Amino acid sequence: MGLPRLVCAFLLAACCCCRRATGVPGEEKQPAPTPEPVEVEVGGTALLKCGPSHSSGNFSHVDWFLIHKERQIPIFRVRQGQGQSEPGEYEHRLSLQDSGATLALSQVTPHDERMFLCKSKRPRLLDHYTELQVFKAPEEPTIQANVVGIHVDRQELREVATCVGRNGYPIPQVIWYKNGRPLQEEENRVQIQSSQIVESSGLYTLQSVLNAQLVKEDKDARFYCELSYRLPSGNRMKESKEVTVPVFYPAEKVWVEVEPMGLLKEGDHVKIRCLTDGNPQPHFTINKQNSSTGEMEEEATDENGILFLEPAQKQHSGLYQCQSLDLETMVTLSSDLQELLVNYVSDVRVNPAAPEAQEGDSLTLTCEAESNQDLEFEWLRDKTGQRLGKGPVLQLNNLKREAGGRYLCMASVPNVPGLNRTQLVSVGIFGPPWMALKERKVWAHENAALNLSCEASGHPQPTISWSVNGSATEWNPDPQTVVSTLNVLVTPELLETGAKCTASNSLGSNTTIIILKLVTLTTLTPDFSQTTGLSTSTVSPHTRANSTSTEKKLPPPESKGVVIVAVIVCILVLAVLGATLYFFYKKGKLPCGRSGKQEITLPPTRKSEFVVEVKSDKLPEEMALLQGGSGDKRAPGDQGEKYIDLRH
């Protein structure tokens, strides 16, 4: 009996060991469920579900926990459908929605990116985990370029630019671009160093530095950075502005630049400068070849090494050369010789220089000039601008007095626009003085000052004398013309005698008589100023047959208009009164040899109105002509008084 018991005990122990090793069906440990992700932006409200979205029913007994370091920290509970926050950081930001099935977390911050657990007993559900994911778009990225510059001959990585993106969550990704193409890190060529700072708000500030070894071709390269980040609505990106970096490299060649480009002429403002293909530009000197010795001589430039020719002259033409000195490498470069050509026209002259001729004669004028280009000549009349012909020779035949005066020769270069020079010559036609008019009337005010002008032309140039005393001044519009202005006081004697202007030269004389007319009330008509010509006028000696008389007349007094109005008003009042009296006379209402009594009275109470009182023994039908507009009639025997209102 002892052996069977021992065998049973052994079999029982073996069975227990087997159950521990294989486990009991139904008692295996279940894996933790996959948490449900919930995405929300900073500042928004996160909705935490207590179960699958299809769960329904009244959640009357629920507990919410925060998972922190594998610990379950209670933050909210629901009893009998009523929610209650647990004391702590979420105490004032949690609320129930959807009959207790949803817990709303407001004013989300990056610190809320955690795991939350919901345990529901009524209804009884499996534990539900929610993973809250928080997002925040960074601010626009800022970029700061290296303003000091980078030398291409230094075999080392130098800082190109720094990009900063502030207040983003999670950390955005930065991508650098050059001329629109993304840059990748390359050993000894491109290096990108990024770092981030966690702000007290939990947001990140990203800083990225681009280091690179640049070459000469990068002098105009444009760099910018891009921040890539994600929001609940999808992937987003923001770009910085583009920047350039000063790139320094030695010059390989130098040349001369002239402004303006194209054909130059005397009088132009010319600027000569030196340029190289290096950066920065080195120190320059500008040299010009001496045409006599062939040596290069340094020209004076401004502080920027620019030579100004203001204005350019023909002696500025020649060969110019630039020399540069790189102060870092101490290398000197010289440009090719460049020719500067300043086109010119000079020494324009007319032969004969002082031409003279008799009336009826012929005259030949010849024009010459100096230039480095082929010239064209044109003749014009100076006073009128009339074009007389082209070519260096002007032939004047059968000369008249009107042909005297100044002529213009213009020498120009056709293929250089604006390049021309002119020369004036005065042609004298022998003859006595001539004037536009023999006689002229001038309106004047007695005892007022008056300017009398007289113009005469002739060759030799005439002189002018006056028959009355006054202050005279003269000027000469051209070598054959003289204008004299005499300031006089208008006296009764001057009004009676007038003034005489006499022009004379060695060949004769001529006279203009100026008659003074006194301005009176009868001359003050509305068009008086037009009919009398009260203004200063000058008649050209070439437009009339004989003489020119220029008179400056004083304008009528400023009260002329007031006087005219007063005269017109008086005439109208007298005309109306006369017409009325004549009307009454024709109708027999005035005595004038007839019976009856008529008188014109002015009632004392209406002193400012005209009233005619009529007493008549005429028949009623005649009296009807004196009735008012109301149409009232009197009896046949009524000889009552009539009042006619003549106010208007």
Foldseek 3Di string as FASTA:
>chain_A
DVVVVVVVVVVVVVVVVVCVVVDDPPPDDDDDDDAAEWEDEAQAKTKAFFDPPPDDDAQQWKWKFFQDPNDTHTAWTHHRLDIAGDDDPQRPQWDADDNRRIIMGGRDFQVPQGKMWMATVVVHDDIHIYGYDYWDDWDAKEKDADAVADELVDQAWDWGMKIKTPFTPPAWDKWKDKPRHTDDDDPSAKDKDKDWDQDPRRGIMIMIIIIGRDDLVLQPIWMKMKTWDAHPVGIDMHIYDIDGGHYFYDFDAKAKDKPPDDAAAFQCKIKIAMDTSGPPFFDKWKWFQDPVPRDTHTDDDDPVRMDIPHGDDQVPWGWMKMWGADPVVRDIHIHDIDTDGYWAKADKAKPPQAAEEEAQAKDKIFIDIDTPADKKKWKAAVPPRHTDDIDRMDIGGRDDQLPFFKMKMKIAHVVDPPHIDIDIGTYAYADWKFAFDQEEEAEAAAQDKWKKKWKIFHPCAWDKDKPDDFDKDWDAPGNGMIMIIGIDTHHPVCQVQFMKMKIGDPHGIGIHTYHYDYDDLVLLDPCSCVVRVQAWDWDDRSVHDGRIITIHYDDDDPCSVVSVVVVVVVVVVVVLVVVVVVVCVVLVQDPPPHDADWDWDQDPVRNPWTKTKTFDPDFQVSCVVQDDPPPDGDDRRDRDIGIDTPRD
